[in-house]
PDB file of N, CA and C in Angstrom:
ATOM      1  N   MET A   1     -17.047   5.037 -10.824  1.00  0.00           N
ATOM      2  CA  MET A   1     -16.387   3.866  -9.645  1.00  0.00           C
ATOM      3  C   MET A   1     -17.262   3.111  -8.453  1.00  0.00           C
ATOM      4  N   PRO A   2     -17.466   1.901  -8.481  1.00  0.00           N
ATOM      5  CA  PRO A   2     -18.061   1.609  -7.801  1.00  0.00           C
ATOM      6  C   PRO A   2     -17.767   1.309  -5.958  1.00  0.00           C
ATOM      7  N   VAL A   3     -18.802   1.420  -5.195  1.00  0.00           N
ATOM      8  CA  VAL A   3     -18.627   1.714  -3.946  1.00  0.00           C
ATOM      9  C   VAL A   3     -18.327   0.280  -3.008  1.00  0.00           C
ATOM     10  N   LEU A   4     -17.102   0.094  -2.408  1.00  0.00           N
ATOM     11  CA  LEU A   4     -17.136  -0.995  -1.703  1.00  0.00           C
ATOM     12  C   LEU A   4     -17.831  -1.427  -0.525  1.00  0.00           C
ATOM     13  N   GLN A   5     -18.397  -2.574  -0.341  1.00  0.00           N
ATOM     14  CA  GLN A   5     -19.144  -2.555   1.030  1.00  0.00           C
ATOM     15  C   GLN A   5     -18.295  -3.096   1.994  1.00  0.00           C
ATOM     16  N   VAL A   6     -18.850  -2.601   3.502  1.00  0.00           N
ATOM     17  CA  VAL A   6     -17.336  -3.083   4.635  1.00  0.00           C
ATOM     18  C   VAL A   6     -16.958  -4.567   4.279  1.00  0.00           C
ATOM     19  N   PRO A   7     -17.727  -5.406   3.892  1.00  0.00           N
ATOM     20  CA  PRO A   7     -16.892  -6.761   4.067  1.00  0.00           C
ATOM     21  C   PRO A   7     -15.822  -6.936   2.790  1.00  0.00           C
ATOM     22  N   GLU A   8     -16.222  -6.446   1.692  1.00  0.00           N
ATOM     23  CA  GLU A   8     -15.309  -6.404   0.722  1.00  0.00           C
ATOM     24  C   GLU A   8     -14.258  -5.371   0.856  1.00  0.00           C
ATOM     25  N   ALA A   9     -14.467  -4.361   1.724  1.00  0.00           N
ATOM     26  CA  ALA A   9     -13.195  -3.687   1.564  1.00  0.00           C
ATOM     27  C   ALA A   9     -12.729  -3.985   2.773  1.00  0.00           C
ATOM     28  N   GLN A  10     -12.979  -5.012   3.881  1.00  0.00           N
ATOM     29  CA  GLN A  10     -12.148  -5.375   4.762  1.00  0.00           C
ATOM     30  C   GLN A  10     -11.066  -6.592   4.374  1.00  0.00           C
ATOM     31  N   SER A  11     -12.170  -7.218   3.376  1.00  0.00           N
ATOM     32  CA  SER A  11     -11.472  -8.418   2.835  1.00  0.00           C
ATOM     33  C   SER A  11     -10.195  -8.103   2.016  1.00  0.00           C
ATOM     34  N   LEU A  12     -10.284  -6.494   1.132  1.00  0.00           N
ATOM     35  CA  LEU A  12      -9.198  -6.305   0.757  1.00  0.00           C
ATOM     36  C   LEU A  12      -8.196  -5.736   1.282  1.00  0.00           C
ATOM     37  N   THR A  13      -8.641  -4.892   2.465  1.00  0.00           N
ATOM     38  CA  THR A  13      -7.429  -4.476   3.393  1.00  0.00           C
ATOM     39  C   THR A  13      -6.662  -5.658   4.311  1.00  0.00           C
ATOM     40  N   ASP A  14      -7.357  -6.970   4.503  1.00  0.00           N
ATOM     41  CA  ASP A  14      -6.375  -8.258   5.066  1.00  0.00           C
ATOM     42  C   ASP A  14      -5.580  -8.871   3.795  1.00  0.00           C
ATOM     43  N   ARG A  15      -6.336  -8.517   2.471  1.00  0.00           N
ATOM     44  CA  ARG A  15      -5.442  -9.109   1.569  1.00  0.00           C
ATOM     45  C   ARG A  15      -4.040  -8.180   1.528  1.00  0.00           C
ATOM     46  N   ALA A  16      -3.882  -7.007   1.518  1.00  0.00           N
ATOM     47  CA  ALA A  16      -3.027  -5.945   1.435  1.00  0.00           C
ATOM     48  C   ALA A  16      -2.021  -6.389   2.003  1.00  0.00           C
ATOM     49  N   TRP A  17      -2.345  -6.326   3.845  1.00  0.00           N
ATOM     50  CA  TRP A  17      -1.428  -6.710   4.724  1.00  0.00           C
ATOM     51  C   TRP A  17      -1.093  -8.211   4.489  1.00  0.00           C
ATOM     52  N   GLU A  18      -1.557  -8.907   3.794  1.00  0.00           N
ATOM     53  CA  GLU A  18      -0.863 -10.272   3.807  1.00  0.00           C
ATOM     54  C   GLU A  18       0.098 -10.226   2.420  1.00  0.00           C
ATOM     55  N   LEU A  19       0.095  -9.451   1.657  1.00  0.00           N
ATOM     56  CA  LEU A  19       0.823  -9.271   0.599  1.00  0.00           C
ATOM     57  C   LEU A  19       2.124  -8.542   1.119  1.00  0.00           C
ATOM     58  N   TYR A  20       1.546  -7.418   1.655  1.00  0.00           N
ATOM     59  CA  TYR A  20       2.681  -6.382   2.722  1.00  0.00           C
ATOM     60  C   TYR A  20       3.713  -7.464   3.495  1.00  0.00           C
ATOM     61  N   TYR A  21       3.248  -8.237   4.153  1.00  0.00           N
ATOM     62  CA  TYR A  21       4.061  -8.875   5.125  1.00  0.00           C
ATOM     63  C   TYR A  21       4.676  -9.680   4.348  1.00  0.00           C
ATOM     64  N   ARG A  22       4.516 -10.258   3.318  1.00  0.00           N
ATOM     65  CA  ARG A  22       5.193 -11.257   2.351  1.00  0.00           C
ATOM     66  C   ARG A  22       6.510 -10.398   1.767  1.00  0.00           C
ATOM     67  N   LEU A  23       5.982  -9.065   1.094  1.00  0.00           N
ATOM     68  CA  LEU A  23       6.883  -8.194   0.385  1.00  0.00           C
ATOM     69  C   LEU A  23       8.146  -7.454   1.629  1.00  0.00           C
ATOM     70  N   ARG A  24       7.589  -7.269   3.131  1.00  0.00           N
ATOM     71  CA  ARG A  24       8.136  -6.684   3.905  1.00  0.00           C
ATOM     72  C   ARG A  24       9.356  -6.967   4.280  1.00  0.00           C
ATOM     73  N   PRO A  25      10.318  -7.937   4.108  1.00  0.00           N
ATOM     74  CA  PRO A  25      11.737  -8.407   3.678  1.00  0.00           C
ATOM     75  C   PRO A  25      12.629  -7.355   3.069  1.00  0.00           C
ATOM     76  N   SER A  26      11.673  -7.005   2.010  1.00  0.00           N
ATOM     77  CA  SER A  26      13.004  -6.730   0.691  1.00  0.00           C
ATOM     78  C   SER A  26      12.107  -4.980   0.462  1.00  0.00           C
ATOM     79  N   VAL A  27      11.103  -4.926   0.997  1.00  0.00           N
ATOM     80  CA  VAL A  27      10.795  -3.256   1.013  1.00  0.00           C
ATOM     81  C   VAL A  27      10.750  -2.647   2.171  1.00  0.00           C
ATOM     82  N   GLU A  28      10.991  -3.145   3.267  1.00  0.00           N
ATOM     83  CA  GLU A  28      10.911  -2.663   4.697  1.00  0.00           C
ATOM     84  C   GLU A  28      12.608  -2.517   5.059  1.00  0.00           C
ATOM     85  N   THR A  29      13.346  -1.602   4.066  1.00  0.00           N
ATOM     86  CA  THR A  29      14.560  -0.988   4.201  1.00  0.00           C
ATOM     87  C   THR A  29      15.010   0.127   5.016  1.00  0.00           C
ATOM     88  N   PRO A  30      15.865   0.384   5.710  1.00  0.00           N
ATOM     89  CA  PRO A  30      16.362   1.838   6.025  1.00  0.00           C
ATOM     90  C   PRO A  30      15.972   2.980   5.121  1.00  0.00           C
ATOM     91  N   GLU A  31      16.164   2.984   4.096  1.00  0.00           N
ATOM     92  CA  GLU A  31      16.067   3.892   2.989  1.00  0.00           C
ATOM     93  C   GLU A  31      14.461   4.241   2.038  1.00  0.00           C
ATOM     94  N   ASN A  32      13.865   3.024   2.663  1.00  0.00           N
ATOM     95  CA  ASN A  32      11.999   2.900   2.521  1.00  0.00           C
ATOM     96  C   ASN A  32      11.515   2.969   3.812  1.00  0.00           C
ATOM     97  N   ILE A  33      11.900   3.038   4.962  1.00  0.00           N
ATOM     98  CA  ILE A  33      10.795   3.686   5.783  1.00  0.00           C
ATOM     99  C   ILE A  33      10.482   4.838   5.859  1.00  0.00           C
ATOM    100  N   GLY A  34       8.879   4.870   5.804  1.00  0.00           N
ATOM    101  CA  GLY A  34       7.893   6.247   5.533  1.00  0.00           C
ATOM    102  C   GLY A  34       7.733   6.627   4.273  1.00  0.00           C
ATOM    103  N   LYS A  35       8.300   5.813   3.282  1.00  0.00           N
ATOM    104  CA  LYS A  35       7.597   5.718   1.880  1.00  0.00           C
ATOM    105  C   LYS A  35       6.396   5.454   1.847  1.00  0.00           C
ATOM    106  N   LEU A  36       6.090   5.740   0.450  1.00  0.00           N
ATOM    107  CA  LEU A  36       4.454   4.981   0.093  1.00  0.00           C
ATOM    108  C   LEU A  36       4.616   3.653  -0.357  1.00  0.00           C
ATOM    109  N   LEU A  37       3.974   2.502  -0.205  1.00  0.00           N
ATOM    110  CA  LEU A  37       3.910   1.547  -1.029  1.00  0.00           C
ATOM    111  C   LEU A  37       2.330   1.203  -1.746  1.00  0.00           C
ATOM    112  N   LEU A  38       2.619   1.050  -2.576  1.00  0.00           N
ATOM    113  CA  LEU A  38       1.276   1.048  -3.445  1.00  0.00           C
ATOM    114  C   LEU A  38       1.032  -0.451  -4.099  1.00  0.00           C
ATOM    115  N   LEU A  39       0.293  -0.997  -3.884  1.00  0.00           N
ATOM    116  CA  LEU A  39       0.183  -2.532  -4.018  1.00  0.00           C
ATOM    117  C   LEU A  39      -0.793  -2.593  -4.820  1.00  0.00           C
ATOM    118  N   ASP A  40      -0.773  -3.791  -5.897  1.00  0.00           N
ATOM    119  CA  ASP A  40      -1.820  -4.002  -6.954  1.00  0.00           C
ATOM    120  C   ASP A  40      -2.088  -5.741  -6.518  1.00  0.00           C
ATOM    121  N   PHE A  41      -3.554  -5.707  -6.123  1.00  0.00           N
ATOM    122  CA  PHE A  41      -3.922  -6.760  -5.545  1.00  0.00           C
ATOM    123  C   PHE A  41      -3.602  -8.332  -6.665  1.00  0.00           C
ATOM    124  N   GLY A  42      -4.109  -7.758  -7.947  1.00  0.00           N
ATOM    125  CA  GLY A  42      -4.231  -8.885  -8.835  1.00  0.00           C
ATOM    126  C   GLY A  42      -2.935  -9.443  -9.476  1.00  0.00           C
ATOM    127  N   SER A  43      -1.937  -8.794  -9.263  1.00  0.00           N
ATOM    128  CA  SER A  43      -0.768  -9.264  -9.685  1.00  0.00           C
ATOM    129  C   SER A  43       0.047  -9.332  -8.863  1.00  0.00           C
ATOM    130  N   GLY A  44       0.295  -8.402  -7.626  1.00  0.00           N
ATOM    131  CA  GLY A  44       1.291  -8.304  -6.598  1.00  0.00           C
ATOM    132  C   GLY A  44       2.295  -7.480  -7.062  1.00  0.00           C
ATOM    133  N   ASP A  45       1.851  -6.967  -8.135  1.00  0.00           N
ATOM    134  CA  ASP A  45       3.389  -5.695  -8.547  1.00  0.00           C
ATOM    135  C   ASP A  45       2.855  -4.252  -7.346  1.00  0.00           C
ATOM    136  N   PHE A  46       3.908  -4.097  -7.363  1.00  0.00           N
ATOM    137  CA  PHE A  46       3.935  -2.671  -6.137  1.00  0.00           C
ATOM    138  C   PHE A  46       4.887  -1.549  -7.043  1.00  0.00           C
ATOM    139  N   GLU A  47       4.899   0.013  -6.517  1.00  0.00           N
ATOM    140  CA  GLU A  47       5.501   0.708  -6.976  1.00  0.00           C
ATOM    141  C   GLU A  47       5.908   1.437  -5.155  1.00  0.00           C
ATOM    142  N   ILE A  48       6.791   1.764  -5.122  1.00  0.00           N
ATOM    143  CA  ILE A  48       7.589   2.770  -3.854  1.00  0.00           C
ATOM    144  C   ILE A  48       7.684   3.897  -4.259  1.00  0.00           C
ATOM    145  N   ASP A  49       7.044   5.411  -3.403  1.00  0.00           N
ATOM    146  CA  ASP A  49       7.032   6.694  -3.617  1.00  0.00           C
ATOM    147  C   ASP A  49       7.337   7.300  -2.059  1.00  0.00           C
ATOM    148  N   ASP A  50       8.047   8.342  -2.269  1.00  0.00           N
ATOM    149  CA  ASP A  50       8.311   8.933  -1.068  1.00  0.00           C
ATOM    150  C   ASP A  50       7.147  10.303  -1.063  1.00  0.00           C
ATOM    151  N   GLU A  51       6.554  10.735  -2.023  1.00  0.00           N
ATOM    152  CA  GLU A  51       5.430  11.777  -2.210  1.00  0.00           C
ATOM    153  C   GLU A  51       4.234  11.541  -2.011  1.00  0.00           C
ATOM    154  N   THR A  52       3.255  11.589  -2.806  1.00  0.00           N
ATOM    155  CA  THR A  52       1.535  11.702  -2.830  1.00  0.00           C
ATOM    156  C   THR A  52       1.400  10.299  -3.564  1.00  0.00           C
ATOM    157  N   GLY A  53       2.120   9.738  -4.193  1.00  0.00           N
ATOM    158  CA  GLY A  53       1.878   8.259  -5.008  1.00  0.00           C
ATOM    159  C   GLY A  53       1.037   8.612  -6.053  1.00  0.00           C
ATOM    160  N   PHE A  54       0.931   9.778  -6.632  1.00  0.00           N
ATOM    161  CA  PHE A  54       0.095   9.764  -7.939  1.00  0.00           C
ATOM    162  C   PHE A  54       0.971   9.120  -9.007  1.00  0.00           C
ATOM    163  N   GLU A  55       2.269   9.413  -9.296  1.00  0.00           N
ATOM    164  CA  GLU A  55       2.720   8.598 -10.187  1.00  0.00           C
ATOM    165  C   GLU A  55       2.871   7.541 -10.000  1.00  0.00           C
ATOM    166  N   PRO A  56       3.287   6.633  -8.896  1.00  0.00           N
ATOM    167  CA  PRO A  56       3.314   5.077  -9.054  1.00  0.00           C
ATOM    168  C   PRO A  56       1.803   4.742  -9.352  1.00  0.00           C
ATOM    169  N   VAL A  57       1.134   5.453  -8.935  1.00  0.00           N
ATOM    170  CA  VAL A  57      -0.714   4.551  -9.363  1.00  0.00           C
ATOM    171  C   VAL A  57      -0.534   4.763 -10.803  1.00  0.00           C
ATOM    172  N   HIS A  58      -0.304   5.847 -11.546  1.00  0.00           N
ATOM    173  CA  HIS A  58      -0.133   5.776 -12.877  1.00  0.00           C
ATOM    174  C   HIS A  58       0.397   4.969 -13.719  1.00  0.00           C
ATOM    175  N   ARG A  59       1.887   4.371 -13.016  1.00  0.00           N
ATOM    176  CA  ARG A  59       2.725   3.503 -13.610  1.00  0.00           C
ATOM    177  C   ARG A  59       1.837   2.146 -13.443  1.00  0.00           C
ATOM    178  N   LEU A  60       1.374   1.829 -12.437  1.00  0.00           N
ATOM    179  CA  LEU A  60       0.594   0.562 -12.153  1.00  0.00           C
ATOM    180  C   LEU A  60      -0.776   0.107 -12.836  1.00  0.00           C
ATOM    181  N   GLN A  61      -1.604   1.871 -13.108  1.00  0.00           N
ATOM    182  CA  GLN A  61      -2.460   1.177 -13.582  1.00  0.00           C
ATOM    183  C   GLN A  61      -2.121   1.471 -15.273  1.00  0.00           C
ATOM    184  N   SER A  62      -0.790   1.925 -15.535  1.00  0.00           N
ATOM    185  CA  SER A  62      -1.022   1.673 -16.893  1.00  0.00           C
ATOM    186  C   SER A  62      -0.261   0.239 -17.421  1.00  0.00           C
ATOM    187  N   ARG A  63       0.426  -0.488 -16.380  1.00  0.00           N
ATOM    188  CA  ARG A  63       0.587  -2.109 -16.556  1.00  0.00           C
ATOM    189  C   ARG A  63      -0.235  -2.654 -16.059  1.00  0.00           C
ATOM    190  N   HIS A  64      -1.197  -2.306 -15.451  1.00  0.00           N
ATOM    191  CA  HIS A  64      -2.738  -3.423 -14.794  1.00  0.00           C
ATOM    192  C   HIS A  64      -3.638  -2.675 -14.875  1.00  0.00           C
ATOM    193  N   PRO A  65      -4.400  -2.386 -16.103  1.00  0.00           N
ATOM    194  CA  PRO A  65      -5.438  -1.486 -16.242  1.00  0.00           C
ATOM    195  C   PRO A  65      -6.626  -1.598 -15.286  1.00  0.00           C
ATOM    196  N   ASP A  66      -6.853  -2.994 -15.159  1.00  0.00           N
ATOM    197  CA  ASP A  66      -8.118  -3.285 -14.179  1.00  0.00           C
ATOM    198  C   ASP A  66      -7.798  -3.479 -12.777  1.00  0.00           C
ATOM    199  N   SER A  67      -6.631  -2.592 -12.083  1.00  0.00           N
ATOM    200  CA  SER A  67      -5.927  -3.079 -10.969  1.00  0.00           C
ATOM    201  C   SER A  67      -6.679  -2.718  -9.908  1.00  0.00           C
ATOM    202  N   LYS A  68      -6.771  -3.327  -9.201  1.00  0.00           N
ATOM    203  CA  LYS A  68      -7.571  -2.792  -7.538  1.00  0.00           C
ATOM    204  C   LYS A  68      -6.143  -2.309  -6.408  1.00  0.00           C
ATOM    205  N   LEU A  69      -5.735  -0.896  -6.298  1.00  0.00           N
ATOM    206  CA  LEU A  69      -4.723  -0.877  -5.868  1.00  0.00           C
ATOM    207  C   LEU A  69      -4.813  -0.421  -4.212  1.00  0.00           C
ATOM    208  N   PHE A  70      -3.706  -0.444  -3.178  1.00  0.00           N
ATOM    209  CA  PHE A  70      -3.972  -0.176  -1.907  1.00  0.00           C
ATOM    210  C   PHE A  70      -2.662   0.360  -1.674  1.00  0.00           C
ATOM    211  N   ALA A  71      -2.436   1.276  -0.961  1.00  0.00           N
ATOM    212  CA  ALA A  71      -1.727   2.146  -0.294  1.00  0.00           C
ATOM    213  C   ALA A  71      -1.078   2.100   1.208  1.00  0.00           C
ATOM    214  N   LEU A  72      -0.049   1.683   1.243  1.00  0.00           N
ATOM    215  CA  LEU A  72       0.636   1.464   2.882  1.00  0.00           C
ATOM    216  C   LEU A  72       1.669   2.251   2.904  1.00  0.00           C
ATOM    217  N   ARG A  73       2.088   3.182   4.319  1.00  0.00           N
ATOM    218  CA  ARG A  73       3.067   3.794   4.561  1.00  0.00           C
ATOM    219  C   ARG A  73       4.022   2.600   5.013  1.00  0.00           C
ATOM    220  N   ILE A  74       5.400   2.655   4.469  1.00  0.00           N
ATOM    221  CA  ILE A  74       6.350   1.448   4.634  1.00  0.00           C
ATOM    222  C   ILE A  74       6.797   1.048   6.018  1.00  0.00           C
ATOM    223  N   GLY A  75       6.714   0.720   7.150  1.00  0.00           N
ATOM    224  CA  GLY A  75       7.012   0.262   8.430  1.00  0.00           C
ATOM    225  C   GLY A  75       6.252   1.300   9.498  1.00  0.00           C
ATOM    226  N   TYR A  76       4.883   1.406   8.654  1.00  0.00           N
ATOM    227  CA  TYR A  76       3.882   2.011  10.109  1.00  0.00           C
ATOM    228  C   TYR A  76       2.637   1.534   9.572  1.00  0.00           C
ATOM    229  N   GLU A  77       1.553   1.300  10.328  1.00  0.00           N
ATOM    230  CA  GLU A  77       0.524   0.988  10.451  1.00  0.00           C
ATOM    231  C   GLU A  77      -0.459   1.559   9.839  1.00  0.00           C
ATOM    232  N   THR A  78      -0.313   2.846   9.513  1.00  0.00           N
ATOM    233  CA  THR A  78      -1.160   3.501   8.563  1.00  0.00           C
ATOM    234  C   THR A  78      -0.518   4.471   7.526  1.00  0.00           C
ATOM    235  N   ALA A  79      -1.194   5.009   6.428  1.00  0.00           N
ATOM    236  CA  ALA A  79      -0.731   5.473   5.688  1.00  0.00           C
ATOM    237  C   ALA A  79      -0.468   6.881   5.751  1.00  0.00           C
ATOM    238  N   VAL A  80      -1.547   7.746   6.597  1.00  0.00           N
ATOM    239  CA  VAL A  80      -1.731   9.130   6.528  1.00  0.00           C
ATOM    240  C   VAL A  80      -2.260   8.884   8.184  1.00  0.00           C
ATOM    241  N   SER A  81      -1.968  10.263   8.945  1.00  0.00           N
ATOM    242  CA  SER A  81      -2.452  10.344  10.460  1.00  0.00           C
ATOM    243  C   SER A  81      -3.122  11.924  10.098  1.00  0.00           C
ATOM    244  N   PHE A  82      -4.381  11.559  10.743  1.00  0.00           N
ATOM    245  CA  PHE A  82      -4.679  13.412  10.797  1.00  0.00           C
ATOM    246  C   PHE A  82      -4.392  13.746  12.354  1.00  0.00           C
ATOM    247  N   SER A  83      -4.153  13.151  13.035  1.00  0.00           N
ATOM    248  CA  SER A  83      -3.407  13.804  14.500  1.00  0.00           C
ATOM    249  C   SER A  83      -2.011  14.295  14.276  1.00  0.00           C
ATOM    250  N   GLY A  84      -1.306  13.698  13.324  1.00  0.00           N
ATOM    251  CA  GLY A  84       0.023  14.403  13.439  1.00  0.00           C
ATOM    252  C   GLY A  84       1.127  13.034  13.888  1.00  0.00           C
ATOM    253  N   SER A  85       0.540  12.323  14.070  1.00  0.00           N
ATOM    254  CA  SER A  85       1.458  10.983  14.311  1.00  0.00           C
ATOM    255  C   SER A  85       1.203   9.753  13.825  1.00  0.00           C
ATOM    256  N   LEU A  86       2.490   9.221  13.583  1.00  0.00           N
ATOM    257  CA  LEU A  86       2.181   7.803  13.052  1.00  0.00           C
ATOM    258  C   LEU A  86       2.650   6.721  13.586  1.00  0.00           C
ATOM    259  N   GLU A  87       2.104   5.457  13.725  1.00  0.00           N
ATOM    260  CA  GLU A  87       2.657   4.307  14.668  1.00  0.00           C
ATOM    261  C   GLU A  87       3.398   3.377  14.030  1.00  0.00           C
ATOM    262  N   ARG A  88       4.775   3.120  14.423  1.00  0.00           N
ATOM    263  CA  ARG A  88       5.522   2.212  13.345  1.00  0.00           C
ATOM    264  C   ARG A  88       4.885   0.701  14.132  1.00  0.00           C
ATOM    265  N   LEU A  89       5.386   0.140  12.789  1.00  0.00           N
ATOM    266  CA  LEU A  89       4.716  -1.534  12.538  1.00  0.00           C
ATOM    267  C   LEU A  89       5.963  -1.848  13.895  1.00  0.00           C
ATOM    268  N   SER A  90       5.249  -3.131  14.668  1.00  0.00           N
ATOM    269  CA  SER A  90       6.599  -3.973  15.282  1.00  0.00           C
ATOM    270  C   SER A  90       7.416  -4.873  14.754  1.00  0.00           C
ATOM    271  N   GLU A  91       8.121  -5.473  15.459  1.00  0.00           N
ATOM    272  CA  GLU A  91       9.043  -6.148  14.658  1.00  0.00           C
ATOM    273  C   GLU A  91       8.129  -7.382  14.280  1.00  0.00           C
TER     274      GLU A  91
END
């Protein structure tokens, strides 16, 4: 798997957040807050998962074999935290 250079990685991150903000009204519901959202950049397809994200990754990759995926935690600024706390997104 090729390693992304910093500008390319930043561009993908920006695109992921743009896609998330378009999807936000439909995915950021009370029952989905805190779940993982896995996005496929090319198709705009996504999966929601409440655990590790492995199953939705496999489902997305089976539908879109050459996909570039990005994971976000619905309603939060980061998907994981090493300090033990996650910061919520502002309205």
